[in-house]
């Protein structure tokens, strides 16, 4: 993930008129770039359909912890407090 704000569901409200990032003005917004490139995704087309699904925000409490331990203990699959998913996942 290369968004300086670690956003996972699309661009923030600070995208500049030229499509660049508000945090790093010389960089194109990674979400606008991803949206433009989704048409080039290979089959299956289901990947394109999932592009607009919401993802839980990054759980910053896991920063600096072991990704392997988080995977085994399923800590990385817990939805952060204050976030609810519409489909009931996690």
PDB file of N, CA and C in Angstrom:
ATOM      1  N   UNK A   1       0.856  -1.168   0.000  1.00  0.00           N
ATOM      2  CA  UNK A   1       0.000   0.000   0.000  1.00  0.00           C
ATOM      3  C   UNK A   1       0.900   1.228   0.000  1.00  0.00           C
ATOM      4  N   UNK A   2       0.668   2.107  -0.928  1.00  0.00           N
ATOM      5  CA  UNK A   2       1.553   3.266  -1.025  1.00  0.00           C
ATOM      6  C   UNK A   2       0.867   4.589  -0.742  1.00  0.00           C
ATOM      7  N   UNK A   3      -0.380   4.560  -0.293  1.00  0.00           N
ATOM      8  CA  UNK A   3      -1.059   5.805   0.073  1.00  0.00           C
ATOM      9  C   UNK A   3      -0.415   6.346   1.344  1.00  0.00           C
ATOM     10  N   UNK A   4       0.071   7.583   1.334  1.00  0.00           N
ATOM     11  CA  UNK A   4       0.716   8.146   2.524  1.00  0.00           C
ATOM     12  C   UNK A   4      -0.200   8.188   3.746  1.00  0.00           C
ATOM     13  N   UNK A   5      -1.500   8.202   3.515  1.00  0.00           N
ATOM     14  CA  UNK A   5      -2.453   8.222   4.631  1.00  0.00           C
ATOM     15  C   UNK A   5      -2.948   6.819   4.984  1.00  0.00           C
ATOM     16  N   UNK A   6      -2.407   5.799   4.326  1.00  0.00           N
ATOM     17  CA  UNK A   6      -2.789   4.393   4.495  1.00  0.00           C
ATOM     18  C   UNK A   6      -4.283   4.167   4.301  1.00  0.00           C
ATOM     19  N   UNK A   7      -4.887   4.895   3.378  1.00  0.00           N
ATOM     20  CA  UNK A   7      -6.305   4.706   3.087  1.00  0.00           C
ATOM     21  C   UNK A   7      -6.497   3.477   2.215  1.00  0.00           C
ATOM     22  N   UNK A   8      -7.567   2.725   2.485  1.00  0.00           N
ATOM     23  CA  UNK A   8      -7.801   1.479   1.767  1.00  0.00           C
ATOM     24  C   UNK A   8      -9.069   1.477   0.931  1.00  0.00           C
ATOM     25  N   UNK A   9      -9.838   2.546   0.957  1.00  0.00           N
ATOM     26  CA  UNK A   9     -11.123   2.540   0.269  1.00  0.00           C
ATOM     27  C   UNK A   9     -11.286   3.664  -0.729  1.00  0.00           C
ATOM     28  N   UNK A  10     -10.213   4.171  -1.224  1.00  0.00           N
ATOM     29  CA  UNK A  10     -10.322   5.217  -2.223  1.00  0.00           C
ATOM     30  C   UNK A  10      -9.672   6.506  -1.775  1.00  0.00           C
ATOM     31  N   UNK A  11      -9.708   7.483  -2.643  1.00  0.00           N
ATOM     32  CA  UNK A  11      -8.998   8.728  -2.369  1.00  0.00           C
ATOM     33  C   UNK A  11      -9.609   9.524  -1.222  1.00  0.00           C
ATOM     34  N   UNK A  12      -8.777  10.287  -0.564  1.00  0.00           N
ATOM     35  CA  UNK A  12      -9.235  11.166   0.515  1.00  0.00           C
ATOM     36  C   UNK A  12      -9.850  12.422  -0.095  1.00  0.00           C
ATOM     37  N   UNK A  13     -10.279  13.310   0.738  1.00  0.00           N
ATOM     38  CA  UNK A  13     -10.865  14.551   0.250  1.00  0.00           C
ATOM     39  C   UNK A  13      -9.833  15.575  -0.170  1.00  0.00           C
ATOM     40  N   UNK A  14      -8.557  15.216  -0.044  1.00  0.00           N
ATOM     41  CA  UNK A  14      -7.508  16.175  -0.340  1.00  0.00           C
ATOM     42  C   UNK A  14      -6.828  15.988  -1.673  1.00  0.00           C
ATOM     43  N   UNK A  15      -7.407  15.187  -2.548  1.00  0.00           N
ATOM     44  CA  UNK A  15      -6.808  14.998  -3.866  1.00  0.00           C
ATOM     45  C   UNK A  15      -6.844  16.326  -4.607  1.00  0.00           C
ATOM     46  N   UNK A  16      -5.706  16.704  -5.151  1.00  0.00           N
ATOM     47  CA  UNK A  16      -5.604  17.983  -5.855  1.00  0.00           C
ATOM     48  C   UNK A  16      -6.321  17.919  -7.206  1.00  0.00           C
ATOM     49  N   UNK A  17      -6.582  19.074  -7.783  1.00  0.00           N
ATOM     50  CA  UNK A  17      -7.296  19.139  -9.067  1.00  0.00           C
ATOM     51  C   UNK A  17      -6.589  18.365 -10.170  1.00  0.00           C
ATOM     52  N   UNK A  18      -5.266  18.315 -10.099  1.00  0.00           N
ATOM     53  CA  UNK A  18      -4.516  17.595 -11.131  1.00  0.00           C
ATOM     54  C   UNK A  18      -4.419  16.098 -10.838  1.00  0.00           C
ATOM     55  N   UNK A  19      -5.051  15.623  -9.747  1.00  0.00           N
ATOM     56  CA  UNK A  19      -5.042  14.206  -9.406  1.00  0.00           C
ATOM     57  C   UNK A  19      -3.886  13.795  -8.526  1.00  0.00           C
ATOM     58  N   UNK A  20      -3.098  14.756  -8.062  1.00  0.00           N
ATOM     59  CA  UNK A  20      -1.962  14.431  -7.210  1.00  0.00           C
ATOM     60  C   UNK A  20      -2.353  14.401  -5.741  1.00  0.00           C
ATOM     61  N   UNK A  21      -1.498  13.775  -4.957  1.00  0.00           N
ATOM     62  CA  UNK A  21      -1.691  13.579  -3.521  1.00  0.00           C
ATOM     63  C   UNK A  21      -1.503  14.897  -2.768  1.00  0.00           C
ATOM     64  N   UNK A  22      -2.298  15.097  -1.707  1.00  0.00           N
ATOM     65  CA  UNK A  22      -2.119  16.318  -0.917  1.00  0.00           C
ATOM     66  C   UNK A  22      -0.922  16.209   0.018  1.00  0.00           C
ATOM     67  N   UNK A  23      -0.528  14.985   0.391  1.00  0.00           N
ATOM     68  CA  UNK A  23       0.603  14.795   1.299  1.00  0.00           C
ATOM     69  C   UNK A  23       1.925  14.894   0.545  1.00  0.00           C
ATOM     70  N   UNK A  24       1.989  14.243  -0.613  1.00  0.00           N
ATOM     71  CA  UNK A  24       3.178  14.280  -1.472  1.00  0.00           C
ATOM     72  C   UNK A  24       2.736  14.865  -2.813  1.00  0.00           C
ATOM     73  N   UNK A  25       2.786  16.187  -2.956  1.00  0.00           N
ATOM     74  CA  UNK A  25       2.221  16.858  -4.133  1.00  0.00           C
ATOM     75  C   UNK A  25       2.795  16.411  -5.477  1.00  0.00           C
ATOM     76  N   UNK A  26       3.999  15.866  -5.499  1.00  0.00           N
ATOM     77  CA  UNK A  26       4.595  15.427  -6.764  1.00  0.00           C
ATOM     78  C   UNK A  26       4.130  14.035  -7.177  1.00  0.00           C
ATOM     79  N   UNK A  27       3.368  13.346  -6.315  1.00  0.00           N
ATOM     80  CA  UNK A  27       2.946  11.971  -6.574  1.00  0.00           C
ATOM     81  C   UNK A  27       1.469  11.937  -6.971  1.00  0.00           C
ATOM     82  N   UNK A  28       1.169  11.156  -8.007  1.00  0.00           N
ATOM     83  CA  UNK A  28      -0.229  10.975  -8.394  1.00  0.00           C
ATOM     84  C   UNK A  28      -0.938  10.179  -7.300  1.00  0.00           C
ATOM     85  N   UNK A  29      -2.189  10.510  -7.015  1.00  0.00           N
ATOM     86  CA  UNK A  29      -2.968   9.780  -6.021  1.00  0.00           C
ATOM     87  C   UNK A  29      -2.999   8.302  -6.412  1.00  0.00           C
ATOM     88  N   UNK A  30      -2.587   7.426  -5.492  1.00  0.00           N
ATOM     89  CA  UNK A  30      -2.520   6.001  -5.810  1.00  0.00           C
ATOM     90  C   UNK A  30      -3.903   5.432  -6.097  1.00  0.00           C
ATOM     91  N   UNK A  31      -4.933   6.009  -5.503  1.00  0.00           N
ATOM     92  CA  UNK A  31      -6.289   5.500  -5.732  1.00  0.00           C
ATOM     93  C   UNK A  31      -6.821   5.899  -7.092  1.00  0.00           C
ATOM     94  N   UNK A  32      -6.501   7.084  -7.546  1.00  0.00           N
ATOM     95  CA  UNK A  32      -6.906   7.463  -8.900  1.00  0.00           C
ATOM     96  C   UNK A  32      -6.157   6.618  -9.925  1.00  0.00           C
ATOM     97  N   UNK A  33      -4.883   6.356  -9.652  1.00  0.00           N
ATOM     98  CA  UNK A  33      -4.086   5.516 -10.541  1.00  0.00           C
ATOM     99  C   UNK A  33      -4.661   4.094 -10.581  1.00  0.00           C
ATOM    100  N   UNK A  34      -5.018   3.553  -9.411  1.00  0.00           N
ATOM    101  CA  UNK A  34      -5.585   2.202  -9.352  1.00  0.00           C
ATOM    102  C   UNK A  34      -6.913   2.131 -10.096  1.00  0.00           C
ATOM    103  N   UNK A  35      -7.736   3.150  -9.924  1.00  0.00           N
ATOM    104  CA  UNK A  35      -9.034   3.161 -10.601  1.00  0.00           C
ATOM    105  C   UNK A  35      -8.854   3.187 -12.117  1.00  0.00           C
ATOM    106  N   UNK A  36      -7.911   3.994 -12.583  1.00  0.00           N
ATOM    107  CA  UNK A  36      -7.647   4.065 -14.019  1.00  0.00           C
ATOM    108  C   UNK A  36      -7.110   2.741 -14.560  1.00  0.00           C
ATOM    109  N   UNK A  37      -6.331   2.031 -13.751  1.00  0.00           N
ATOM    110  CA  UNK A  37      -5.694   0.796 -14.208  1.00  0.00           C
ATOM    111  C   UNK A  37      -6.577  -0.439 -14.062  1.00  0.00           C
ATOM    112  N   UNK A  38      -7.703  -0.341 -13.368  1.00  0.00           N
ATOM    113  CA  UNK A  38      -8.521  -1.536 -13.139  1.00  0.00           C
ATOM    114  C   UNK A  38      -9.046  -2.138 -14.439  1.00  0.00           C
ATOM    115  N   UNK A  39      -9.160  -1.336 -15.484  1.00  0.00           N
ATOM    116  CA  UNK A  39      -9.635  -1.873 -16.768  1.00  0.00           C
ATOM    117  C   UNK A  39      -8.632  -2.855 -17.370  1.00  0.00           C
ATOM    118  N   UNK A  40      -7.382  -2.809 -16.935  1.00  0.00           N
ATOM    119  CA  UNK A  40      -6.351  -3.697 -17.465  1.00  0.00           C
ATOM    120  C   UNK A  40      -6.204  -4.986 -16.660  1.00  0.00           C
ATOM    121  N   UNK A  41      -7.032  -5.160 -15.605  1.00  0.00           N
ATOM    122  CA  UNK A  41      -6.945  -6.385 -14.819  1.00  0.00           C
ATOM    123  C   UNK A  41      -7.274  -7.587 -15.697  1.00  0.00           C
ATOM    124  N   UNK A  42      -6.507  -8.669 -15.551  1.00  0.00           N
ATOM    125  CA  UNK A  42      -6.790  -9.864 -16.354  1.00  0.00           C
ATOM    126  C   UNK A  42      -8.037 -10.579 -15.835  1.00  0.00           C
ATOM    127  N   UNK A  43      -8.437 -11.579 -16.571  1.00  0.00           N
ATOM    128  CA  UNK A  43      -9.550 -12.404 -16.107  1.00  0.00           C
ATOM    129  C   UNK A  43      -9.137 -13.089 -14.814  1.00  0.00           C
ATOM    130  N   UNK A  44     -10.009 -13.426 -13.918  1.00  0.00           N
ATOM    131  CA  UNK A  44     -11.455 -13.322 -14.021  1.00  0.00           C
ATOM    132  C   UNK A  44     -11.933 -11.895 -13.780  1.00  0.00           C
ATOM    133  N   UNK A  45     -13.046 -11.579 -14.386  1.00  0.00           N
ATOM    134  CA  UNK A  45     -13.594 -10.233 -14.253  1.00  0.00           C
ATOM    135  C   UNK A  45     -14.107  -9.964 -12.852  1.00  0.00           C
ATOM    136  N   UNK A  46     -14.218 -11.002 -12.031  1.00  0.00           N
ATOM    137  CA  UNK A  46     -14.684 -10.808 -10.659  1.00  0.00           C
ATOM    138  C   UNK A  46     -13.745  -9.862  -9.908  1.00  0.00           C
ATOM    139  N   UNK A  47     -12.467  -9.807 -10.284  1.00  0.00           N
ATOM    140  CA  UNK A  47     -11.540  -8.866  -9.641  1.00  0.00           C
ATOM    141  C   UNK A  47     -11.997  -7.440  -9.861  1.00  0.00           C
ATOM    142  N   UNK A  48     -12.458  -7.163 -11.063  1.00  0.00           N
ATOM    143  CA  UNK A  48     -12.949  -5.817 -11.364  1.00  0.00           C
ATOM    144  C   UNK A  48     -14.203  -5.506 -10.555  1.00  0.00           C
ATOM    145  N   UNK A  49     -15.044  -6.520 -10.356  1.00  0.00           N
ATOM    146  CA  UNK A  49     -16.276  -6.326  -9.593  1.00  0.00           C
ATOM    147  C   UNK A  49     -15.987  -6.035  -8.126  1.00  0.00           C
ATOM    148  N   UNK A  50     -14.914  -6.593  -7.587  1.00  0.00           N
ATOM    149  CA  UNK A  50     -14.569  -6.402  -6.177  1.00  0.00           C
ATOM    150  C   UNK A  50     -13.830  -5.093  -5.918  1.00  0.00           C
ATOM    151  N   UNK A  51     -13.492  -4.380  -6.963  1.00  0.00           N
ATOM    152  CA  UNK A  51     -12.713  -3.149  -6.805  1.00  0.00           C
ATOM    153  C   UNK A  51     -13.425  -2.135  -5.925  1.00  0.00           C
ATOM    154  N   UNK A  52     -14.735  -2.053  -6.019  1.00  0.00           N
ATOM    155  CA  UNK A  52     -15.490  -1.041  -5.283  1.00  0.00           C
ATOM    156  C   UNK A  52     -15.958  -1.486  -3.901  1.00  0.00           C
ATOM    157  N   UNK A  53     -15.618  -2.712  -3.476  1.00  0.00           N
ATOM    158  CA  UNK A  53     -16.003  -3.164  -2.141  1.00  0.00           C
ATOM    159  C   UNK A  53     -15.177  -2.441  -1.086  1.00  0.00           C
ATOM    160  N   UNK A  54     -15.815  -2.123   0.020  1.00  0.00           N
ATOM    161  CA  UNK A  54     -15.106  -1.451   1.108  1.00  0.00           C
ATOM    162  C   UNK A  54     -14.250  -2.440   1.879  1.00  0.00           C
ATOM    163  N   UNK A  55     -13.079  -2.012   2.263  1.00  0.00           N
ATOM    164  CA  UNK A  55     -12.172  -2.804   3.084  1.00  0.00           C
ATOM    165  C   UNK A  55     -12.068  -2.136   4.447  1.00  0.00           C
ATOM    166  N   UNK A  56     -11.890  -2.914   5.509  1.00  0.00           N
ATOM    167  CA  UNK A  56     -11.689  -2.289   6.823  1.00  0.00           C
ATOM    168  C   UNK A  56     -10.433  -1.420   6.793  1.00  0.00           C
ATOM    169  N   UNK A  57     -10.398  -0.367   7.594  1.00  0.00           N
ATOM    170  CA  UNK A  57      -9.206   0.480   7.615  1.00  0.00           C
ATOM    171  C   UNK A  57      -8.006  -0.277   8.171  1.00  0.00           C
ATOM    172  N   UNK A  58      -6.832   0.236   7.913  1.00  0.00           N
ATOM    173  CA  UNK A  58      -5.610  -0.360   8.439  1.00  0.00           C
ATOM    174  C   UNK A  58      -5.637  -0.273   9.961  1.00  0.00           C
ATOM    175  N   UNK A  59      -5.350  -1.383  10.620  1.00  0.00           N
ATOM    176  CA  UNK A  59      -5.306  -1.405  12.083  1.00  0.00           C
ATOM    177  C   UNK A  59      -3.900  -0.993  12.514  1.00  0.00           C
ATOM    178  N   UNK A  60      -3.749   0.259  12.851  1.00  0.00           N
ATOM    179  CA  UNK A  60      -2.427   0.794  13.188  1.00  0.00           C
ATOM    180  C   UNK A  60      -1.875   0.200  14.482  1.00  0.00           C
ATOM    181  N   UNK A  61      -2.711  -0.486  15.265  1.00  0.00           N
ATOM    182  CA  UNK A  61      -2.206  -1.147  16.477  1.00  0.00           C
ATOM    183  C   UNK A  61      -1.253  -2.283  16.126  1.00  0.00           C
ATOM    184  N   UNK A  62      -1.312  -2.773  14.900  1.00  0.00           N
ATOM    185  CA  UNK A  62      -0.447  -3.874  14.484  1.00  0.00           C
ATOM    186  C   UNK A  62       0.902  -3.397  13.953  1.00  0.00           C
ATOM    187  N   UNK A  63       1.068  -2.098  13.815  1.00  0.00           N
ATOM    188  CA  UNK A  63       2.326  -1.565  13.301  1.00  0.00           C
ATOM    189  C   UNK A  63       3.465  -1.953  14.235  1.00  0.00           C
ATOM    190  N   UNK A  64       4.523  -2.504  13.670  1.00  0.00           N
ATOM    191  CA  UNK A  64       5.685  -2.908  14.452  1.00  0.00           C
ATOM    192  C   UNK A  64       5.572  -4.305  15.040  1.00  0.00           C
ATOM    193  N   UNK A  65       4.488  -5.035  14.724  1.00  0.00           N
ATOM    194  CA  UNK A  65       4.332  -6.399  15.226  1.00  0.00           C
ATOM    195  C   UNK A  65       4.627  -7.385  14.103  1.00  0.00           C
ATOM    196  N   UNK A  66       4.768  -8.645  14.457  1.00  0.00           N
ATOM    197  CA  UNK A  66       5.103  -9.679  13.490  1.00  0.00           C
ATOM    198  C   UNK A  66       3.899 -10.037  12.632  1.00  0.00           C
ATOM    199  N   UNK A  67       4.045  -9.931  11.319  1.00  0.00           N
ATOM    200  CA  UNK A  67       2.933 -10.274  10.430  1.00  0.00           C
ATOM    201  C   UNK A  67       2.621 -11.766  10.491  1.00  0.00           C
ATOM    202  N   UNK A  68       3.640 -12.598  10.702  1.00  0.00           N
ATOM    203  CA  UNK A  68       3.409 -14.043  10.806  1.00  0.00           C
ATOM    204  C   UNK A  68       2.599 -14.385  12.049  1.00  0.00           C
ATOM    205  N   UNK A  69       2.953 -13.803  13.174  1.00  0.00           N
ATOM    206  CA  UNK A  69       2.201 -14.065  14.404  1.00  0.00           C
ATOM    207  C   UNK A  69       0.781 -13.534  14.268  1.00  0.00           C
ATOM    208  N   UNK A  70       0.633 -12.372  13.678  1.00  0.00           N
ATOM    209  CA  UNK A  70      -0.703 -11.811  13.474  1.00  0.00           C
ATOM    210  C   UNK A  70      -1.542 -12.695  12.557  1.00  0.00           C
ATOM    211  N   UNK A  71      -0.910 -13.312  11.566  1.00  0.00           N
ATOM    212  CA  UNK A  71      -1.617 -14.212  10.659  1.00  0.00           C
ATOM    213  C   UNK A  71      -2.058 -15.480  11.386  1.00  0.00           C
ATOM    214  N   UNK A  72      -1.146 -16.086  12.146  1.00  0.00           N
ATOM    215  CA  UNK A  72      -1.444 -17.338  12.850  1.00  0.00           C
ATOM    216  C   UNK A  72      -2.510 -17.134  13.925  1.00  0.00           C
ATOM    217  N   UNK A  73      -2.427 -16.028  14.647  1.00  0.00           N
ATOM    218  CA  UNK A  73      -3.392 -15.756  15.718  1.00  0.00           C
ATOM    219  C   UNK A  73      -4.661 -15.082  15.199  1.00  0.00           C
ATOM    220  N   UNK A  74      -4.691 -14.799  13.893  1.00  0.00           N
ATOM    221  CA  UNK A  74      -5.824 -14.126  13.230  1.00  0.00           C
ATOM    222  C   UNK A  74      -6.077 -12.725  13.768  1.00  0.00           C
ATOM    223  N   UNK A  75      -5.082 -12.173  14.417  1.00  0.00           N
ATOM    224  CA  UNK A  75      -5.212 -10.807  14.909  1.00  0.00           C
ATOM    225  C   UNK A  75      -5.338  -9.819  13.753  1.00  0.00           C
ATOM    226  N   UNK A  76      -4.714 -10.153  12.622  1.00  0.00           N
ATOM    227  CA  UNK A  76      -4.772  -9.263  11.463  1.00  0.00           C
ATOM    228  C   UNK A  76      -6.107  -9.351  10.724  1.00  0.00           C
ATOM    229  N   UNK A  77      -6.976 -10.251  11.142  1.00  0.00           N
ATOM    230  CA  UNK A  77      -8.279 -10.393  10.502  1.00  0.00           C
ATOM    231  C   UNK A  77      -9.407  -9.783  11.331  1.00  0.00           C
ATOM    232  N   UNK A  78      -9.066  -9.171  12.449  1.00  0.00           N
ATOM    233  CA  UNK A  78     -10.068  -8.528  13.290  1.00  0.00           C
ATOM    234  C   UNK A  78     -10.359  -7.134  12.754  1.00  0.00           C
ATOM    235  N   UNK A  79     -11.620  -6.785  12.761  1.00  0.00           N
ATOM    236  CA  UNK A  79     -12.022  -5.459  12.308  1.00  0.00           C
ATOM    237  C   UNK A  79     -11.722  -4.445  13.404  1.00  0.00           C
ATOM    238  N   UNK A  80     -11.046  -3.359  13.090  1.00  0.00           N
ATOM    239  CA  UNK A  80     -10.740  -2.344  14.105  1.00  0.00           C
ATOM    240  C   UNK A  80     -12.005  -1.797  14.761  1.00  0.00           C
ATOM    241  N   UNK A  81     -11.877  -1.427  16.013  1.00  0.00           N
ATOM    242  CA  UNK A  81     -13.003  -0.872  16.763  1.00  0.00           C
ATOM    243  C   UNK A  81     -13.550   0.362  16.060  1.00  0.00           C
ATOM    244  N   UNK A  82     -14.854   0.507  16.078  1.00  0.00           N
ATOM    245  CA  UNK A  82     -15.479   1.665  15.459  1.00  0.00           C
ATOM    246  C   UNK A  82     -15.799   1.481  13.990  1.00  0.00           C
ATOM    247  N   UNK A  83     -15.458   0.342  13.423  1.00  0.00           N
ATOM    248  CA  UNK A  83     -15.711   0.083  12.014  1.00  0.00           C
ATOM    249  C   UNK A  83     -16.679  -1.083  11.916  1.00  0.00           C
ATOM    250  N   UNK A  84     -17.704  -0.928  11.144  1.00  0.00           N
ATOM    251  CA  UNK A  84     -18.624  -2.040  10.928  1.00  0.00           C
ATOM    252  C   UNK A  84     -18.675  -2.336   9.442  1.00  0.00           C
ATOM    253  N   UNK A  85     -18.754  -3.615   9.136  1.00  0.00           N
ATOM    254  CA  UNK A  85     -18.861  -4.011   7.740  1.00  0.00           C
ATOM    255  C   UNK A  85     -20.314  -4.298   7.430  1.00  0.00           C
ATOM    256  N   UNK A  86     -20.713  -4.025   6.220  1.00  0.00           N
ATOM    257  CA  UNK A  86     -22.110  -4.227   5.845  1.00  0.00           C
ATOM    258  C   UNK A  86     -22.425  -5.681   5.571  1.00  0.00           C
ATOM    259  N   UNK A  87     -21.400  -6.454   5.192  1.00  0.00           N
ATOM    260  CA  UNK A  87     -21.661  -7.850   4.857  1.00  0.00           C
ATOM    261  C   UNK A  87     -21.431  -8.784   6.037  1.00  0.00           C
ATOM    262  N   UNK A  88     -21.019  -8.247   7.180  1.00  0.00           N
ATOM    263  CA  UNK A  88     -20.831  -9.065   8.367  1.00  0.00           C
ATOM    264  C   UNK A  88     -19.514  -9.811   8.401  1.00  0.00           C
ATOM    265  N   UNK A  89     -18.650  -9.604   7.428  1.00  0.00           N
ATOM    266  CA  UNK A  89     -17.352 -10.274   7.422  1.00  0.00           C
ATOM    267  C   UNK A  89     -16.478  -9.737   8.533  1.00  0.00           C
ATOM    268  N   UNK A  90     -15.609 -10.574   9.023  1.00  0.00           N
ATOM    269  CA  UNK A  90     -14.667 -10.264  10.090  1.00  0.00           C
ATOM    270  C   UNK A  90     -15.446 -10.046  11.351  1.00  0.00           C
TER     271      UNK A  90
END
